Protein backbone atom coordinates (compact mmCIF):
# COMPACT_ATOMS: atom_id res chain seq x y z
CA MET A 1 175.69 54.83 -38.49
CA THR A 2 172.59 52.75 -38.38
CA LEU A 3 169.92 53.76 -36.45
CA PRO A 4 167.88 51.08 -33.61
CA LEU A 5 164.94 49.88 -35.83
CA VAL A 6 162.37 51.48 -33.66
CA ALA A 7 164.23 54.83 -33.96
CA GLN A 8 164.13 54.24 -37.95
CA ILE A 9 160.42 54.15 -37.46
CA LEU A 10 159.85 56.80 -35.80
CA HIS A 11 162.23 59.24 -37.91
CA GLY A 12 160.80 57.60 -41.09
CA ARG A 13 164.23 56.14 -42.58
CA ARG A 14 164.12 53.50 -45.27
CA PRO A 15 164.38 50.22 -42.83
CA GLU A 16 167.23 47.82 -43.46
CA PRO A 17 165.55 44.45 -44.45
CA LEU A 18 165.72 41.43 -41.99
CA GLU A 19 165.57 37.59 -42.77
CA PRO A 20 162.84 35.78 -40.85
CA ALA A 21 164.70 33.98 -37.83
CA ILE A 22 163.02 30.73 -38.79
CA LYS A 23 161.39 28.96 -41.75
CA GLU A 24 158.35 27.43 -42.21
CA ASP A 25 159.47 23.72 -41.81
CA GLN A 26 160.43 24.31 -38.38
CA PHE A 27 156.91 23.43 -37.03
CA ARG A 28 153.70 22.67 -37.69
CA VAL A 29 150.63 24.93 -36.92
CA HIS A 30 148.02 23.05 -34.65
CA GLN A 31 144.71 24.94 -35.47
CA PRO A 32 142.03 25.29 -32.43
CA THR A 33 138.78 23.68 -32.15
CA GLY A 34 135.85 23.59 -29.86
CA ARG A 35 136.14 26.14 -27.14
CA TRP A 36 138.94 28.28 -28.50
CA SER A 37 137.56 28.87 -31.88
CA GLN A 38 134.63 30.54 -30.12
CA GLU A 39 137.04 32.42 -27.86
CA ILE A 40 138.86 33.40 -31.04
CA ASP A 41 135.60 34.95 -32.57
CA LEU A 42 134.68 36.78 -29.09
CA LEU A 43 138.23 38.07 -29.22
CA GLY A 44 138.17 39.26 -32.29
CA LYS A 45 134.72 41.17 -31.62
CA GLU A 46 136.21 42.59 -28.72
CA LEU A 47 139.36 43.97 -30.30
CA ASN A 48 137.10 45.62 -32.96
CA LYS A 49 134.86 47.21 -30.52
CA ILE A 50 138.11 48.43 -28.93
CA SER A 51 139.66 49.51 -31.79
CA LYS A 52 136.43 51.93 -32.57
CA ALA A 53 136.41 53.09 -29.11
CA HIS A 54 140.20 54.27 -29.21
CA SER A 55 140.01 54.86 -32.90
CA ILE A 56 140.83 58.72 -33.95
CA HIS A 57 139.47 58.33 -37.07
CA LYS A 58 135.90 59.55 -37.24
CA LYS A 59 135.21 61.33 -39.98
CA ARG A 60 132.71 59.10 -41.22
CA SER A 61 131.56 55.55 -40.86
CA VAL A 62 133.45 52.72 -42.62
CA ARG A 63 131.45 49.29 -42.90
CA GLN A 64 133.10 46.05 -43.14
CA PRO A 65 133.42 44.18 -46.57
CA LYS A 66 130.74 41.54 -46.54
CA GLN A 67 130.83 39.95 -50.48
CA ASP A 68 133.83 38.30 -51.72
CA ARG A 69 134.91 40.45 -54.00
CA ALA A 70 135.22 43.44 -51.51
CA ILE A 71 136.83 41.02 -48.89
CA TYR A 72 139.73 40.32 -51.47
CA THR A 73 140.20 43.98 -52.44
CA ARG A 74 140.28 44.95 -48.48
CA GLN A 75 142.61 42.01 -47.99
CA HIS A 76 144.69 42.89 -50.85
CA LEU A 77 145.17 46.54 -50.15
CA LEU A 78 146.39 45.46 -46.73
CA ASN A 79 148.86 42.99 -48.02
CA VAL A 80 150.17 45.77 -50.35
CA ALA A 81 150.27 48.10 -47.56
CA GLY A 82 152.21 45.37 -45.26
CA HIS A 83 154.78 45.26 -48.40
CA LEU A 84 155.26 49.30 -48.46
CA LEU A 85 155.73 49.20 -44.78
CA SER A 86 158.69 46.94 -44.77
CA GLU A 87 159.85 49.01 -47.51
CA VAL A 88 159.56 52.57 -46.82
CA GLY A 89 158.53 52.65 -43.11
CA LEU A 90 156.00 54.09 -41.20
CA GLU A 91 156.55 58.08 -41.87
CA ASP A 92 156.87 57.53 -45.58
CA ILE A 93 153.88 55.46 -46.25
CA SER A 94 151.03 57.13 -47.83
CA THR A 95 147.65 55.65 -49.01
CA ASN A 96 148.72 57.10 -52.65
CA MET A 97 151.63 54.59 -52.25
CA ILE A 98 149.32 51.65 -51.59
CA CYS A 99 146.77 52.61 -54.36
CA ALA A 100 149.82 52.60 -57.02
CA ARG A 101 151.45 49.59 -55.80
CA ALA A 102 147.83 47.48 -55.54
CA GLU A 103 146.79 49.26 -58.98
CA VAL A 104 143.48 50.75 -57.63
CA SER A 105 141.86 54.41 -57.39
CA PRO A 106 141.98 56.15 -54.06
CA PRO A 107 138.21 56.47 -53.95
CA THR A 108 138.46 52.35 -53.72
CA LEU A 109 140.95 52.71 -50.78
CA TYR A 110 138.60 55.22 -49.05
CA ARG A 111 135.93 52.68 -49.16
CA TYR A 112 137.98 50.74 -46.77
CA PHE A 113 139.81 52.86 -44.93
CA ASN A 114 139.85 56.50 -44.21
CA ASP A 115 143.56 57.17 -44.09
CA LYS A 116 146.74 55.53 -43.57
CA HIS A 117 146.79 55.48 -39.86
CA ALA A 118 143.47 53.21 -40.46
CA VAL A 119 145.22 50.94 -42.82
CA ILE A 120 148.09 50.60 -40.26
CA GLU A 121 145.55 49.70 -37.34
CA ALA A 122 143.96 47.09 -39.71
CA LEU A 123 147.13 45.50 -40.20
CA ALA A 124 147.87 45.51 -36.46
CA MET A 125 144.40 43.92 -35.53
CA ARG A 126 144.84 41.29 -38.57
CA LEU A 127 148.36 40.46 -36.88
CA MET A 128 147.31 40.26 -33.44
CA GLU A 129 144.26 38.25 -34.50
CA LYS A 130 146.75 35.86 -36.20
CA GLN A 131 148.89 35.24 -33.17
CA ASN A 132 146.10 34.89 -30.99
CA GLU A 133 144.52 31.96 -33.02
CA LEU A 134 148.16 30.60 -32.55
CA LEU A 135 148.10 30.77 -28.84
CA PHE A 136 144.60 29.33 -28.63
CA GLY A 137 145.68 26.21 -30.73
CA TRP A 138 148.43 25.78 -28.84
CA LEU A 139 145.95 25.96 -25.26
CA ASP A 140 144.11 23.52 -27.22
CA LYS A 141 146.87 21.06 -27.97
CA TYR A 142 148.84 20.71 -24.49
CA ALA A 143 146.21 22.14 -21.69
CA SER A 144 144.46 18.94 -21.17
CA GLN A 145 147.60 17.15 -20.64
CA GLY A 146 148.62 19.26 -17.62
CA ILE A 147 150.87 21.92 -16.71
CA GLU A 148 153.84 20.33 -17.01
CA CYS A 149 153.02 19.55 -20.56
CA LEU A 150 152.30 22.84 -21.39
CA LEU A 151 155.20 24.42 -20.00
CA ASP A 152 157.62 21.82 -21.65
CA ASN A 153 156.19 23.18 -25.19
CA LEU A 154 156.77 26.76 -24.55
CA GLU A 155 159.30 26.96 -27.03
CA GLU A 156 156.45 26.00 -29.72
CA ILE A 157 154.25 28.59 -29.16
CA LEU A 158 157.14 30.94 -29.07
CA ARG A 159 158.37 29.69 -32.82
CA GLU A 160 154.82 29.60 -34.09
CA THR A 161 154.34 33.05 -33.23
CA ALA A 162 157.50 34.26 -35.15
CA TYR A 163 157.10 32.41 -38.07
CA ALA A 164 153.74 33.78 -38.16
CA THR A 165 154.49 37.35 -37.81
CA ALA A 166 157.57 36.93 -39.96
CA SER A 167 155.10 35.36 -43.01
CA GLU A 168 152.74 38.07 -42.56
CA PRO A 169 153.18 41.02 -45.16
CA GLY A 170 155.05 43.72 -42.99
CA GLY A 171 154.90 41.91 -40.06
CA ALA A 172 158.03 42.90 -38.37
CA TRP A 173 157.20 46.36 -39.06
CA ILE A 174 153.78 45.84 -37.90
CA ALA A 175 155.11 44.33 -34.65
CA ARG A 176 157.79 47.28 -34.09
CA ALA A 177 154.58 49.90 -35.04
CA LEU A 178 152.69 48.31 -32.63
CA HIS A 179 155.16 49.30 -29.69
CA ALA A 180 156.65 52.77 -31.40
CA SER A 181 153.12 54.35 -32.41
CA PRO A 182 150.55 55.77 -29.59
CA LYS A 183 148.12 55.51 -31.84
CA LEU A 184 148.58 51.29 -32.04
CA ILE A 185 149.46 50.90 -28.12
CA HIS A 186 145.85 50.40 -27.15
CA ILE A 187 145.55 47.41 -29.55
CA ARG A 188 148.77 45.81 -28.35
CA VAL A 189 147.69 46.30 -24.89
CA GLU A 190 143.91 45.18 -24.64
CA SER A 191 144.98 42.34 -27.34
CA HIS A 192 147.35 41.26 -24.58
CA ARG A 193 144.73 41.64 -21.54
CA LEU A 194 142.30 39.68 -23.40
CA VAL A 195 144.27 36.82 -24.40
CA THR A 196 145.75 36.81 -20.44
CA ASN A 197 142.27 36.58 -19.25
CA VAL A 198 141.70 33.47 -21.52
CA GLN A 199 144.79 32.08 -20.49
CA ALA A 200 144.25 32.70 -16.64
CA GLU A 201 140.89 30.89 -17.03
CA ALA A 202 142.40 27.74 -19.07
CA LEU A 203 145.13 27.66 -16.05
CA ARG A 204 143.13 28.43 -13.05
CA ASN A 205 142.00 24.62 -12.47
CA LEU A 206 145.77 23.67 -13.41
CA MET A 207 147.12 26.13 -10.42
CA PRO A 208 144.33 25.88 -7.80
CA ASP A 209 146.57 27.26 -5.07
CA LEU A 210 147.64 30.51 -6.83
CA PRO A 211 145.35 33.08 -6.24
CA GLU A 212 143.45 34.69 -9.49
CA LYS A 213 145.21 37.69 -9.37
CA GLU A 214 148.67 36.52 -8.88
CA LEU A 215 148.03 34.19 -11.84
CA TRP A 216 146.63 36.81 -14.12
CA HIS A 217 150.05 39.06 -13.53
CA ARG A 218 152.27 36.07 -13.93
CA ILE A 219 150.41 35.24 -17.49
CA ARG A 220 150.37 38.98 -18.55
CA LEU A 221 154.27 39.34 -17.74
CA MET A 222 155.07 36.29 -19.79
CA ILE A 223 153.07 37.32 -22.59
CA GLU A 224 154.39 40.85 -22.87
CA LEU A 225 157.92 39.35 -22.23
CA GLY A 226 157.45 36.42 -25.12
CA TYR A 227 156.85 39.04 -27.27
CA ALA A 228 159.61 41.21 -26.48
CA ALA A 229 161.79 38.67 -27.14
CA LEU A 230 160.47 37.86 -30.45
CA GLN A 231 161.20 41.58 -31.43
CA MET A 232 164.75 41.20 -30.22
CA ILE A 233 165.09 38.24 -32.88
CA GLU A 234 164.33 40.14 -35.72
CA GLU A 235 166.68 43.22 -34.68
CA GLU A 236 169.77 41.42 -32.77
CA ASP A 237 171.88 39.06 -34.83
CA ARG A 238 174.52 38.40 -32.07
CA ILE A 239 172.23 35.38 -30.69
CA SER A 240 170.69 32.99 -32.29
CA GLY A 241 167.06 32.21 -32.71
CA ASP A 242 167.24 29.06 -31.35
CA GLU A 243 169.11 30.28 -28.33
CA VAL A 244 166.59 32.99 -27.80
CA PHE A 245 163.75 30.83 -27.82
CA ALA A 246 165.37 28.04 -25.72
CA LYS A 247 166.09 30.89 -23.11
CA THR A 248 162.66 32.82 -23.41
CA ALA A 249 160.95 29.24 -22.70
CA ARG A 250 163.02 28.71 -19.26
CA ILE A 251 162.33 32.40 -18.31
CA LEU A 252 158.34 31.97 -18.83
CA ARG A 253 158.46 28.98 -16.93
CA PHE A 254 160.25 30.26 -14.07
CA ILE A 255 157.74 33.02 -14.17
CA LEU A 256 154.84 31.07 -13.95
CA LEU A 257 156.35 28.35 -11.35
CA ASP A 258 157.93 31.22 -9.33
CA ASP A 259 157.14 30.29 -5.31
CA SER A 260 159.03 33.03 -3.61
CA ARG A 261 155.63 34.84 -2.92
């Protein structure tokens, strides 16, 4: 009997491979410019602060690489770790396994990460930053055209985020780990809160009659439900990805425009 995917993560079972729900040519990513580029930089800095504040890896300080070769090595280690995560699961992955696959010595890995948990945390940070960059690009593209235009294109950002997650090495399993691992929850929650702040600021002038607190609550709920739907696409094969995208977009639209308060 096949365990649910989150249970496979928690119990260290070998995960069954999943096919990406969407293909690369289904959309074109709109890169954020101007104000949103600055927001991305600020958000990345805030997430790093949050990660350091919550981190349990305080044995020693690990500096972020600045030289090209060091940056490449760190990214190579993360890419290898992502692929291994999708092959063996969260519990079974180890620093020795990562080193062997990456063809580097353990001291090289420990130059960038304290242990395997720090590697997984860095993978989670990288994925969240890419997802957030897509979201800001989407806002940049549509928010200036009004609330209806923004909502008419909700399905686009759902597809872009799903593809970005599937394209990231180990992306689907990193996304699950963000929910399943207590050591990673703070990254997901704080990232979603920060992104909610940015979206609330962008939509405040488009929905002036809605109290700011209520707007924040609605956007926060939309973000959480959106990511839950993306995870469902990876796990449930009885509903097509297209149907999940379309129905989720309609649900999110209703949440934002709900006038029952």
